[in-house]
Amino acid sequence: MANVVRAALVQATWTGDTESMVAKHEEHAREAARRGAKIIGFQEVFNSPYFCQVEEPEHYRWAEPVPDGPTVRRMRALARETGMVIVAPVFEAEQPGFYYNTAAVIDADGTYLGKYRKHHIPQLKGFREKFYFKPGNLGWPVFDTAVGKVGVYICYDRHFPEGWRQLGLAGAQLVYNPSATHRSLSSHLWRLEQPAAAVANGYYIAAINRVGQEEYGDNDFYGTSYFVDPRGQFVGDVASDSEEELVIRDIDLDLIEEVRQTWAFYRDRRPDAYEGLVQP
């Protein structure tokens, strides 16, 4: 019998406030559960606008502790209610002056499994993240969940192959990549990088992008979220480039072993020859 998991993601428009944004995602999750999904992931800093378009101290107000802040507590209750694994990206406040771009991973019974902190922090027009976030310092954890082994890699991370590989070596079967990226900068890369990473590392990727424009800048977030399989093929259609959407797809985890046996990329790795790659 095939090892099929029904997985979901949400690409959402900003509502204007945290309470309604979280409530909207709760309703998407309940709908996904009604349709049989067992795991769901949300976009980068899902409970806030993408405030990193500007550098303003007022935006530290979006930060909260993980796992003891209000949003992650609500997500734990939602996981218990729906019986789904939840990947919830938020702006994390660890202590004064220590802030991270983080995703909490919650198991289907509401257990907090841990968090991933974004490693690669951009500082570009429209993406002023170094003003807010320290680089991640928790490595590349892979979480044993009710649906399998799940990893996270956040937005700008996707341009760096090293983390994708670390997740594969740690056994990831499905990696969520919550993002906030806009048309004029990287749209031509969006349908290239994650499929290529899925092929190179032999797992599924859920690529999530925001959609629409928000009040803190000119970024036009173009959606087109998708699931991609270990062969680099989209699982079903790519989402809209202009509308909010709940995407639900069936992914066959048995395909991972089949692809890895066929292409044998892990067998033919040469870590003994790669020392120079990590020299500064």
Protein backbone atom coordinates (compact mmCIF):
# COMPACT_ATOMS: atom_id res chain seq x y z
CA MET A 1 0.00 0.00 0.00
CA ALA A 2 1.35 3.40 -0.99
CA ASN A 3 2.50 5.71 1.79
CA VAL A 4 0.40 8.70 0.72
CA VAL A 5 0.08 11.85 2.82
CA ARG A 6 -2.42 14.61 2.07
CA ALA A 7 -0.53 17.87 2.60
CA ALA A 8 -1.64 21.50 2.49
CA LEU A 9 -0.22 25.00 2.30
CA VAL A 10 -1.74 28.48 2.39
CA GLN A 11 -0.76 31.54 0.35
CA ALA A 12 -2.56 34.49 1.90
CA THR A 13 -3.19 38.20 1.56
CA TRP A 14 -2.56 40.46 4.55
CA THR A 15 -5.73 41.36 6.45
CA GLY A 16 -4.47 44.41 8.31
CA ASP A 17 -4.11 43.00 11.82
CA THR A 18 -2.74 39.93 13.58
CA GLU A 19 -6.01 38.71 15.09
CA SER A 20 -7.85 38.48 11.78
CA MET A 21 -4.78 37.09 10.01
CA VAL A 22 -4.42 34.25 12.50
CA ALA A 23 -8.17 33.60 12.44
CA LYS A 24 -8.11 33.37 8.64
CA HIS A 25 -5.35 30.78 8.76
CA GLU A 26 -7.24 28.82 11.39
CA GLU A 27 -10.21 28.63 9.03
CA HIS A 28 -8.00 27.51 6.15
CA ALA A 29 -6.58 24.80 8.40
CA ARG A 30 -10.04 23.60 9.41
CA GLU A 31 -11.04 23.43 5.76
CA ALA A 32 -7.89 21.49 4.93
CA ALA A 33 -8.66 19.05 7.74
CA ARG A 34 -12.21 18.61 6.46
CA ARG A 35 -10.69 17.69 3.10
CA GLY A 36 -8.41 15.11 4.67
CA ALA A 37 -5.11 16.97 5.00
CA LYS A 38 -2.74 15.74 7.72
CA ILE A 39 -0.15 18.53 7.56
CA ILE A 40 -0.32 22.24 6.71
CA GLY A 41 2.22 25.04 6.42
CA PHE A 42 1.87 28.82 6.32
CA GLN A 43 3.89 31.62 4.69
CA GLU A 44 6.86 33.49 6.17
CA VAL A 45 5.90 35.54 9.30
CA PHE A 46 2.33 34.47 8.54
CA ASN A 47 0.65 36.39 11.38
CA SER A 48 2.02 39.80 10.35
CA PRO A 49 2.66 41.88 7.24
CA TYR A 50 6.02 41.53 5.55
CA PHE A 51 7.32 44.55 7.49
CA CYS A 52 10.90 43.98 6.31
CA GLN A 53 10.27 46.21 3.30
CA VAL A 54 11.21 49.08 5.64
CA GLU A 55 13.53 49.65 8.62
CA GLU A 56 11.37 50.93 11.46
CA PRO A 57 11.69 50.03 15.17
CA GLU A 58 7.89 50.02 15.49
CA HIS A 59 7.84 46.64 13.74
CA TYR A 60 9.49 44.87 16.65
CA ARG A 61 5.94 44.82 18.02
CA TRP A 62 5.20 41.81 15.82
CA ALA A 63 7.76 39.66 17.65
CA GLU A 64 6.76 37.09 20.28
CA PRO A 65 8.31 34.15 22.12
CA VAL A 66 8.41 30.67 20.61
CA PRO A 67 6.85 28.41 21.80
CA ASP A 68 5.25 30.39 24.63
CA GLY A 69 3.87 33.31 22.64
CA PRO A 70 0.17 33.72 21.77
CA THR A 71 0.36 32.63 18.13
CA VAL A 72 2.18 29.36 18.72
CA ARG A 73 -0.14 28.58 21.63
CA ARG A 74 -3.10 29.06 19.27
CA MET A 75 -1.44 26.87 16.65
CA ARG A 76 -0.94 24.12 19.22
CA ALA A 77 -4.64 24.25 20.07
CA LEU A 78 -5.46 24.22 16.35
CA ALA A 79 -3.30 21.14 15.79
CA ARG A 80 -5.11 19.33 18.61
CA GLU A 81 -8.48 20.37 17.17
CA THR A 82 -7.74 19.36 13.57
CA GLY A 83 -5.34 16.45 14.09
CA MET A 84 -2.87 18.06 11.67
CA VAL A 85 0.84 18.78 11.82
CA ILE A 86 1.34 22.57 11.54
CA VAL A 87 4.36 24.56 10.33
CA ALA A 88 3.87 28.10 11.69
CA PRO A 89 6.44 30.79 10.74
CA VAL A 90 6.60 33.83 13.07
CA PHE A 91 8.88 36.68 14.17
CA GLU A 92 10.55 35.27 17.27
CA ALA A 93 11.69 37.29 20.30
CA GLU A 94 14.11 35.19 22.35
CA GLN A 95 15.22 38.01 24.68
CA PRO A 96 15.77 41.77 24.29
CA GLY A 97 17.96 42.28 21.23
CA PHE A 98 17.71 38.64 20.12
CA TYR A 99 15.18 38.28 17.30
CA TYR A 100 14.85 35.54 14.68
CA ASN A 101 12.85 34.66 11.59
CA THR A 102 11.49 31.36 12.89
CA ALA A 103 9.11 28.52 12.10
CA ALA A 104 7.56 26.44 14.88
CA VAL A 105 6.72 22.82 14.06
CA ILE A 106 3.76 21.34 15.94
CA ASP A 107 2.71 17.71 15.84
CA ALA A 108 -0.83 16.50 15.14
CA ASP A 109 -1.60 16.14 18.86
CA GLY A 110 -0.51 19.72 19.63
CA THR A 111 2.96 18.81 20.87
CA TYR A 112 5.54 21.50 20.15
CA LEU A 113 8.38 19.64 18.41
CA GLY A 114 10.81 22.49 17.97
CA LYS A 115 11.74 25.36 15.68
CA TYR A 116 13.87 26.29 12.72
CA ARG A 117 15.56 29.70 12.56
CA LYS A 118 16.32 31.19 9.15
CA HIS A 119 20.07 31.06 8.46
CA HIS A 120 20.55 33.42 5.54
CA ILE A 121 19.36 36.97 6.19
CA PRO A 122 19.03 39.31 3.17
CA GLN A 123 19.60 43.05 3.14
CA LEU A 124 18.29 44.27 -0.21
CA LYS A 125 15.75 46.78 -1.46
CA GLY A 126 12.39 45.56 -0.20
CA PHE A 127 14.03 42.93 2.04
CA ARG A 128 15.65 44.77 4.98
CA GLU A 129 15.84 41.73 7.20
CA LYS A 130 19.21 42.34 8.86
CA PHE A 131 17.59 45.28 10.65
CA TYR A 132 15.33 42.80 12.48
CA PHE A 133 16.76 39.28 12.53
CA LYS A 134 19.88 37.55 13.81
CA PRO A 135 21.08 34.60 11.67
CA GLY A 136 19.68 31.25 12.72
CA ASN A 137 21.75 29.22 15.18
CA LEU A 138 19.84 25.95 15.60
CA GLY A 139 21.15 24.06 12.58
CA TRP A 140 18.80 22.27 10.20
CA PRO A 141 16.54 20.12 12.39
CA VAL A 142 14.29 17.46 10.90
CA PHE A 143 11.21 16.74 12.98
CA ASP A 144 9.62 13.33 13.47
CA THR A 145 5.94 14.09 12.99
CA ALA A 146 2.75 12.08 12.68
CA VAL A 147 3.10 12.18 8.88
CA GLY A 148 6.84 11.60 8.54
CA LYS A 149 10.10 13.52 8.71
CA VAL A 150 9.56 17.24 8.10
CA GLY A 151 12.09 20.05 7.67
CA VAL A 152 11.88 23.81 7.12
CA TYR A 153 13.97 26.22 5.03
CA ILE A 154 12.79 29.87 4.97
CA CYS A 155 12.59 32.15 1.90
CA TYR A 156 16.09 33.53 1.09
CA ASP A 157 17.58 30.27 2.41
CA ARG A 158 16.39 28.60 -0.78
CA HIS A 159 19.20 30.24 -2.79
CA PHE A 160 21.80 28.30 -0.77
CA PRO A 161 22.12 24.56 -1.58
CA GLU A 162 23.95 23.65 1.62
CA GLY A 163 20.89 23.72 3.87
CA TRP A 164 18.77 21.74 1.45
CA ARG A 165 21.44 19.03 1.53
CA GLN A 166 21.71 19.09 5.34
CA LEU A 167 17.96 18.45 5.54
CA GLY A 168 18.24 15.54 3.13
CA LEU A 169 21.14 14.01 5.02
CA ALA A 170 19.07 14.27 8.22
CA GLY A 171 16.27 12.25 6.60
CA ALA A 172 13.73 14.88 5.55
CA GLN A 173 10.87 13.58 3.41
CA LEU A 174 8.98 16.88 3.09
CA VAL A 175 10.50 20.36 3.46
CA TYR A 176 8.32 23.45 3.84
CA ASN A 177 9.80 26.62 2.34
CA PRO A 178 7.70 29.58 3.58
CA SER A 179 8.55 32.72 1.65
CA ALA A 180 7.76 36.34 0.82
CA THR A 181 9.14 37.17 -2.61
CA HIS A 182 8.03 39.67 -5.25
CA ARG A 183 7.74 39.73 -9.02
CA SER A 184 10.50 42.07 -10.12
CA LEU A 185 13.29 40.41 -8.15
CA SER A 186 13.16 36.64 -8.39
CA SER A 187 10.02 35.34 -10.10
CA HIS A 188 12.11 33.66 -12.82
CA LEU A 189 13.90 31.67 -10.09
CA TRP A 190 10.77 30.60 -8.21
CA ARG A 191 9.92 27.64 -10.43
CA LEU A 192 13.58 26.63 -10.84
CA GLU A 193 15.25 26.52 -7.45
CA GLN A 194 12.88 24.41 -5.36
CA PRO A 195 12.32 21.76 -8.07
CA ALA A 196 16.09 21.58 -8.54
CA ALA A 197 16.58 21.19 -4.77
CA ALA A 198 13.91 18.47 -4.67
CA VAL A 199 15.77 16.56 -7.40
CA ALA A 200 19.23 17.04 -5.93
CA ASN A 201 18.15 15.91 -2.48
CA GLY A 202 15.38 13.44 -3.21
CA TYR A 203 12.42 14.74 -1.22
CA TYR A 204 9.21 16.76 -1.53
CA ILE A 205 9.15 20.54 -1.14
CA ALA A 206 6.18 22.76 -0.30
CA ALA A 207 7.05 26.20 -1.69
CA ILE A 208 4.84 28.93 -0.20
CA ASN A 209 4.73 32.58 -1.27
CA ARG A 210 2.61 35.49 -0.11
CA VAL A 211 0.21 37.10 -2.55
CA GLY A 212 -0.76 40.74 -3.16
CA GLN A 213 0.65 44.09 -2.02
CA GLU A 214 0.88 45.40 1.52
CA GLU A 215 1.09 48.84 3.13
CA TYR A 216 4.79 48.88 4.02
CA GLY A 217 6.31 48.89 0.53
CA ASP A 218 5.97 48.25 -3.17
CA ASN A 219 6.65 44.51 -3.18
CA ASP A 220 4.10 42.64 -5.31
CA PHE A 221 4.01 39.15 -3.85
CA TYR A 222 3.12 36.77 -6.65
CA GLY A 223 1.87 33.61 -4.97
CA THR A 224 2.28 30.64 -7.36
CA SER A 225 2.84 28.32 -4.39
CA TYR A 226 3.22 24.62 -5.12
CA PHE A 227 4.28 21.15 -4.07
CA VAL A 228 7.10 19.54 -6.02
CA ASP A 229 8.14 15.87 -5.93
CA PRO A 230 11.61 14.25 -5.83
CA ARG A 231 11.63 14.07 -9.64
CA GLY A 232 11.23 17.86 -9.81
CA GLN A 233 7.66 17.64 -11.09
CA PHE A 234 4.86 19.81 -9.74
CA VAL A 235 2.24 17.87 -7.80
CA GLY A 236 -0.94 19.21 -9.37
CA ASP A 237 -1.25 22.79 -10.52
CA VAL A 238 0.74 25.77 -9.30
CA ALA A 239 -1.42 28.22 -7.31
CA SER A 240 -2.70 31.58 -8.55
CA ASP A 241 -0.31 34.50 -8.95
CA SER A 242 -2.87 37.01 -7.67
CA GLU A 243 -5.41 35.33 -5.38
CA GLU A 244 -5.31 33.80 -1.93
CA GLU A 245 -5.42 30.01 -2.10
CA LEU A 246 -5.46 26.88 0.00
CA VAL A 247 -3.45 24.21 -1.85
CA ILE A 248 -4.01 20.54 -0.96
CA ARG A 249 -2.11 17.73 -2.64
CA ASP A 250 -1.50 14.01 -2.10
CA ILE A 251 2.19 13.16 -1.88
CA ASP A 252 3.49 9.59 -2.11
CA LEU A 253 6.43 9.24 0.27
CA ASP A 254 7.37 5.88 -1.28
CA LEU A 255 8.51 7.81 -4.35
CA ILE A 256 11.45 9.13 -2.32
CA GLU A 257 13.07 5.71 -2.01
CA GLU A 258 12.32 4.87 -5.63
CA VAL A 259 13.97 8.06 -6.88
CA ARG A 260 16.98 7.70 -4.60
CA GLN A 261 17.55 4.14 -5.79
CA THR A 262 17.22 5.16 -9.44
CA TRP A 263 19.41 8.26 -9.42
CA ALA A 264 21.70 7.26 -6.52
CA PHE A 265 22.86 10.81 -5.82
CA TYR A 266 23.43 10.09 -2.14
CA ARG A 267 25.50 7.02 -2.99
CA ASP A 268 27.73 9.01 -5.30
CA ARG A 269 28.34 12.01 -3.05
CA ARG A 270 32.02 12.85 -2.38
CA PRO A 271 32.13 14.54 1.04
CA ASP A 272 35.83 13.66 1.24
CA ALA A 273 36.37 16.09 -1.66
CA TYR A 274 34.20 18.98 -0.45
CA GLU A 275 36.33 20.48 2.33
CA GLY A 276 37.05 23.62 0.32
CA LEU A 277 33.36 24.46 0.07
CA VAL A 278 33.21 25.58 3.69
CA GLN A 279 36.40 27.60 3.81
CA PRO A 280 35.77 31.36 4.29
